[in-house]
Amino acid sequence: MLSTLWPFVLGLATGWFLIIRRARSGVSLSDAIIIVVTTVAIGMILRVLFGQGTALAFVIVALAFMSLSFGGWRVVLHLARRKRP
């Protein structure tokens, strides 16, 4: 499990570094896109560099999981804020 996890943890840390560096809150949908894309891209690059697989199905599942995990709550928050009077 750790051998699969560590590349994505480094990618996630990089994504948050970019968000913080830009003085953003990390709550917006555009922040979610930056975090998801950075996490998956760096995670997959590190997996290739260290001889782990990157089958297309794995990339799709990782992208879907990260999008729902890192972006799902932001979508709910965005919709809740729009419904307020």
N, C-alpha and C. Protein backbone atom coordinates (compact mmCIF):
# COMPACT_ATOMS: atom_id res chain seq x y z
N MET A 1 0.82 -1.19 0.00
CA MET A 1 0.00 0.00 0.00
C MET A 1 0.87 1.26 0.00
N LEU A 2 1.92 1.26 0.82
CA LEU A 2 2.80 2.43 0.87
C LEU A 2 3.53 2.66 -0.44
N SER A 3 3.86 1.60 -1.15
CA SER A 3 4.57 1.77 -2.42
C SER A 3 3.67 2.42 -3.47
N THR A 4 2.37 2.25 -3.34
CA THR A 4 1.42 2.91 -4.23
C THR A 4 1.13 4.33 -3.77
N LEU A 5 1.13 4.53 -2.48
CA LEU A 5 0.71 5.81 -1.89
C LEU A 5 1.74 6.92 -1.99
N TRP A 6 3.02 6.62 -1.75
CA TRP A 6 4.01 7.68 -1.59
C TRP A 6 4.15 8.62 -2.79
N PRO A 7 4.06 8.15 -4.06
CA PRO A 7 4.19 9.11 -5.16
C PRO A 7 3.05 10.14 -5.17
N PHE A 8 1.87 9.69 -4.77
CA PHE A 8 0.72 10.59 -4.76
C PHE A 8 0.76 11.55 -3.57
N VAL A 9 1.33 11.10 -2.47
CA VAL A 9 1.50 12.01 -1.33
C VAL A 9 2.46 13.14 -1.70
N LEU A 10 3.54 12.81 -2.40
CA LEU A 10 4.46 13.86 -2.86
C LEU A 10 3.78 14.78 -3.88
N GLY A 11 2.97 14.21 -4.75
CA GLY A 11 2.22 15.03 -5.70
C GLY A 11 1.22 15.94 -5.01
N LEU A 12 0.54 15.41 -4.01
CA LEU A 12 -0.41 16.22 -3.24
C LEU A 12 0.29 17.35 -2.51
N ALA A 13 1.42 17.05 -1.90
CA ALA A 13 2.19 18.09 -1.20
C ALA A 13 2.63 19.17 -2.18
N THR A 14 3.02 18.78 -3.37
CA THR A 14 3.41 19.76 -4.39
C THR A 14 2.22 20.62 -4.81
N GLY A 15 1.08 20.00 -4.99
CA GLY A 15 -0.13 20.75 -5.35
C GLY A 15 -0.49 21.78 -4.29
N TRP A 16 -0.44 21.37 -3.03
CA TRP A 16 -0.73 22.32 -1.95
C TRP A 16 0.33 23.40 -1.86
N PHE A 17 1.58 23.05 -2.12
CA PHE A 17 2.64 24.05 -2.14
C PHE A 17 2.33 25.12 -3.19
N LEU A 18 1.89 24.70 -4.37
CA LEU A 18 1.55 25.65 -5.42
C LEU A 18 0.37 26.55 -5.01
N ILE A 19 -0.62 25.97 -4.36
CA ILE A 19 -1.78 26.74 -3.92
C ILE A 19 -1.37 27.76 -2.86
N ILE A 20 -0.60 27.32 -1.89
CA ILE A 20 -0.16 28.23 -0.82
C ILE A 20 0.75 29.31 -1.37
N ARG A 21 1.62 28.92 -2.29
CA ARG A 21 2.55 29.88 -2.91
C ARG A 21 1.82 31.00 -3.65
N ARG A 22 0.66 30.66 -4.20
CA ARG A 22 -0.16 31.64 -4.92
C ARG A 22 -1.07 32.42 -3.96
N ALA A 23 -0.92 32.19 -2.66
CA ALA A 23 -1.73 32.86 -1.62
C ALA A 23 -3.22 32.59 -1.83
N ARG A 24 -3.55 31.34 -2.12
CA ARG A 24 -4.93 30.93 -2.32
C ARG A 24 -5.41 30.18 -1.09
N SER A 25 -6.73 30.09 -0.93
CA SER A 25 -7.29 29.42 0.24
C SER A 25 -7.35 27.90 0.08
N GLY A 26 -7.39 27.43 -1.15
CA GLY A 26 -7.49 26.00 -1.39
C GLY A 26 -8.91 25.50 -1.42
N VAL A 27 -9.88 26.40 -1.36
CA VAL A 27 -11.28 26.00 -1.28
C VAL A 27 -12.00 26.09 -2.62
N SER A 28 -11.48 26.85 -3.55
CA SER A 28 -12.19 27.05 -4.82
C SER A 28 -12.07 25.83 -5.74
N LEU A 29 -12.94 25.81 -6.73
CA LEU A 29 -12.91 24.71 -7.70
C LEU A 29 -11.64 24.75 -8.54
N SER A 30 -11.15 25.94 -8.85
CA SER A 30 -9.90 26.03 -9.62
C SER A 30 -8.72 25.50 -8.80
N ASP A 31 -8.76 25.71 -7.49
CA ASP A 31 -7.72 25.15 -6.62
C ASP A 31 -7.79 23.62 -6.64
N ALA A 32 -8.99 23.08 -6.66
CA ALA A 32 -9.16 21.63 -6.71
C ALA A 32 -8.56 21.06 -7.99
N ILE A 33 -8.77 21.76 -9.10
CA ILE A 33 -8.22 21.29 -10.37
C ILE A 33 -6.70 21.27 -10.32
N ILE A 34 -6.12 22.33 -9.78
CA ILE A 34 -4.65 22.39 -9.66
C ILE A 34 -4.15 21.24 -8.79
N ILE A 35 -4.80 21.01 -7.67
CA ILE A 35 -4.36 19.96 -6.75
C ILE A 35 -4.51 18.58 -7.38
N VAL A 36 -5.63 18.32 -8.02
CA VAL A 36 -5.86 17.01 -8.63
C VAL A 36 -4.88 16.74 -9.76
N VAL A 37 -4.73 17.70 -10.67
CA VAL A 37 -3.84 17.51 -11.82
C VAL A 37 -2.40 17.34 -11.34
N THR A 38 -1.97 18.16 -10.40
CA THR A 38 -0.60 18.06 -9.89
C THR A 38 -0.38 16.72 -9.19
N THR A 39 -1.33 16.32 -8.37
CA THR A 39 -1.19 15.05 -7.64
C THR A 39 -1.09 13.87 -8.59
N VAL A 40 -1.98 13.80 -9.55
CA VAL A 40 -1.97 12.66 -10.48
C VAL A 40 -0.75 12.71 -11.39
N ALA A 41 -0.42 13.88 -11.92
CA ALA A 41 0.73 13.97 -12.84
C ALA A 41 2.03 13.60 -12.14
N ILE A 42 2.30 14.18 -10.99
CA ILE A 42 3.54 13.87 -10.28
C ILE A 42 3.53 12.44 -9.77
N GLY A 43 2.38 11.98 -9.30
CA GLY A 43 2.28 10.58 -8.86
C GLY A 43 2.61 9.61 -9.97
N MET A 44 2.08 9.85 -11.15
CA MET A 44 2.34 8.95 -12.28
C MET A 44 3.78 9.05 -12.77
N ILE A 45 4.32 10.27 -12.80
CA ILE A 45 5.72 10.43 -13.21
C ILE A 45 6.65 9.68 -12.25
N LEU A 46 6.41 9.81 -10.96
CA LEU A 46 7.24 9.11 -9.98
C LEU A 46 7.07 7.60 -10.09
N ARG A 47 5.85 7.14 -10.37
CA ARG A 47 5.64 5.70 -10.54
C ARG A 47 6.46 5.18 -11.72
N VAL A 48 6.51 5.93 -12.81
CA VAL A 48 7.29 5.51 -13.98
C VAL A 48 8.78 5.51 -13.64
N LEU A 49 9.25 6.58 -13.00
CA LEU A 49 10.67 6.68 -12.66
C LEU A 49 11.15 5.57 -11.72
N PHE A 50 10.25 5.09 -10.87
CA PHE A 50 10.64 4.06 -9.92
C PHE A 50 10.15 2.67 -10.29
N GLY A 51 9.79 2.49 -11.57
CA GLY A 51 9.49 1.16 -12.09
C GLY A 51 8.14 0.59 -11.69
N GLN A 52 7.22 1.42 -11.27
CA GLN A 52 5.87 0.95 -10.96
C GLN A 52 5.00 1.15 -12.19
N GLY A 53 3.93 0.41 -12.27
CA GLY A 53 3.09 0.46 -13.46
C GLY A 53 2.21 1.70 -13.52
N THR A 54 1.87 2.07 -14.76
CA THR A 54 0.93 3.16 -14.99
C THR A 54 -0.02 2.78 -16.11
N ALA A 55 -0.70 1.68 -15.93
CA ALA A 55 -1.68 1.25 -16.94
C ALA A 55 -2.77 2.30 -17.07
N LEU A 56 -3.35 2.41 -18.25
CA LEU A 56 -4.37 3.42 -18.51
C LEU A 56 -5.52 3.32 -17.51
N ALA A 57 -5.94 2.11 -17.19
CA ALA A 57 -7.03 1.93 -16.22
C ALA A 57 -6.63 2.49 -14.85
N PHE A 58 -5.38 2.31 -14.45
CA PHE A 58 -4.90 2.84 -13.17
C PHE A 58 -4.93 4.37 -13.17
N VAL A 59 -4.51 4.97 -14.28
CA VAL A 59 -4.52 6.42 -14.40
C VAL A 59 -5.95 6.95 -14.32
N ILE A 60 -6.87 6.31 -15.00
CA ILE A 60 -8.27 6.73 -14.99
C ILE A 60 -8.87 6.61 -13.59
N VAL A 61 -8.63 5.49 -12.93
CA VAL A 61 -9.15 5.30 -11.58
C VAL A 61 -8.53 6.30 -10.61
N ALA A 62 -7.24 6.53 -10.72
CA ALA A 62 -6.58 7.50 -9.84
C ALA A 62 -7.14 8.90 -10.07
N LEU A 63 -7.33 9.28 -11.32
CA LEU A 63 -7.87 10.60 -11.64
C LEU A 63 -9.30 10.74 -11.11
N ALA A 64 -10.11 9.71 -11.28
CA ALA A 64 -11.49 9.76 -10.79
C ALA A 64 -11.53 9.83 -9.27
N PHE A 65 -10.73 9.01 -8.61
CA PHE A 65 -10.70 9.00 -7.15
C PHE A 65 -10.23 10.33 -6.59
N MET A 66 -9.15 10.85 -7.15
CA MET A 66 -8.62 12.13 -6.66
C MET A 66 -9.62 13.26 -6.93
N SER A 67 -10.26 13.23 -8.08
CA SER A 67 -11.24 14.28 -8.41
C SER A 67 -12.39 14.27 -7.41
N LEU A 68 -12.90 13.09 -7.11
CA LEU A 68 -14.00 13.00 -6.15
C LEU A 68 -13.55 13.33 -4.73
N SER A 69 -12.38 12.85 -4.35
CA SER A 69 -11.89 13.09 -2.99
C SER A 69 -11.49 14.53 -2.75
N PHE A 70 -10.74 15.09 -3.68
CA PHE A 70 -10.20 16.43 -3.49
C PHE A 70 -11.13 17.51 -4.03
N GLY A 71 -12.00 17.15 -4.95
CA GLY A 71 -12.88 18.14 -5.55
C GLY A 71 -14.33 18.04 -5.13
N GLY A 72 -14.76 16.86 -4.71
CA GLY A 72 -16.16 16.65 -4.37
C GLY A 72 -16.69 17.57 -3.28
N TRP A 73 -15.93 17.70 -2.21
CA TRP A 73 -16.40 18.56 -1.11
C TRP A 73 -16.39 20.02 -1.53
N ARG A 74 -15.50 20.39 -2.45
CA ARG A 74 -15.47 21.78 -2.94
C ARG A 74 -16.70 22.08 -3.80
N VAL A 75 -17.14 21.10 -4.58
CA VAL A 75 -18.35 21.27 -5.39
C VAL A 75 -19.55 21.44 -4.47
N VAL A 76 -19.66 20.61 -3.44
CA VAL A 76 -20.76 20.73 -2.48
C VAL A 76 -20.73 22.10 -1.80
N LEU A 77 -19.56 22.53 -1.38
CA LEU A 77 -19.41 23.84 -0.74
C LEU A 77 -19.80 24.96 -1.70
N HIS A 78 -19.36 24.86 -2.94
CA HIS A 78 -19.69 25.87 -3.95
C HIS A 78 -21.20 25.95 -4.17
N LEU A 79 -21.85 24.79 -4.29
CA LEU A 79 -23.30 24.77 -4.49
C LEU A 79 -24.04 25.30 -3.27
N ALA A 80 -23.56 24.98 -2.09
CA ALA A 80 -24.20 25.47 -0.86
C ALA A 80 -24.09 26.98 -0.75
N ARG A 81 -22.95 27.53 -1.15
CA ARG A 81 -22.77 28.98 -1.10
C ARG A 81 -23.65 29.69 -2.12
N ARG A 82 -23.88 29.07 -3.26
CA ARG A 82 -24.72 29.68 -4.28
C ARG A 82 -26.19 29.70 -3.88
N LYS A 83 -26.62 28.76 -3.05
CA LYS A 83 -28.03 28.67 -2.66
C LYS A 83 -28.39 29.65 -1.55
N ARG A 84 -27.39 30.20 -0.88
CA ARG A 84 -27.68 31.15 0.19
C ARG A 84 -28.31 32.41 -0.38
N PRO A 85 -29.27 32.97 0.36
CA PRO A 85 -29.91 34.21 -0.13
C PRO A 85 -28.98 35.41 -0.01
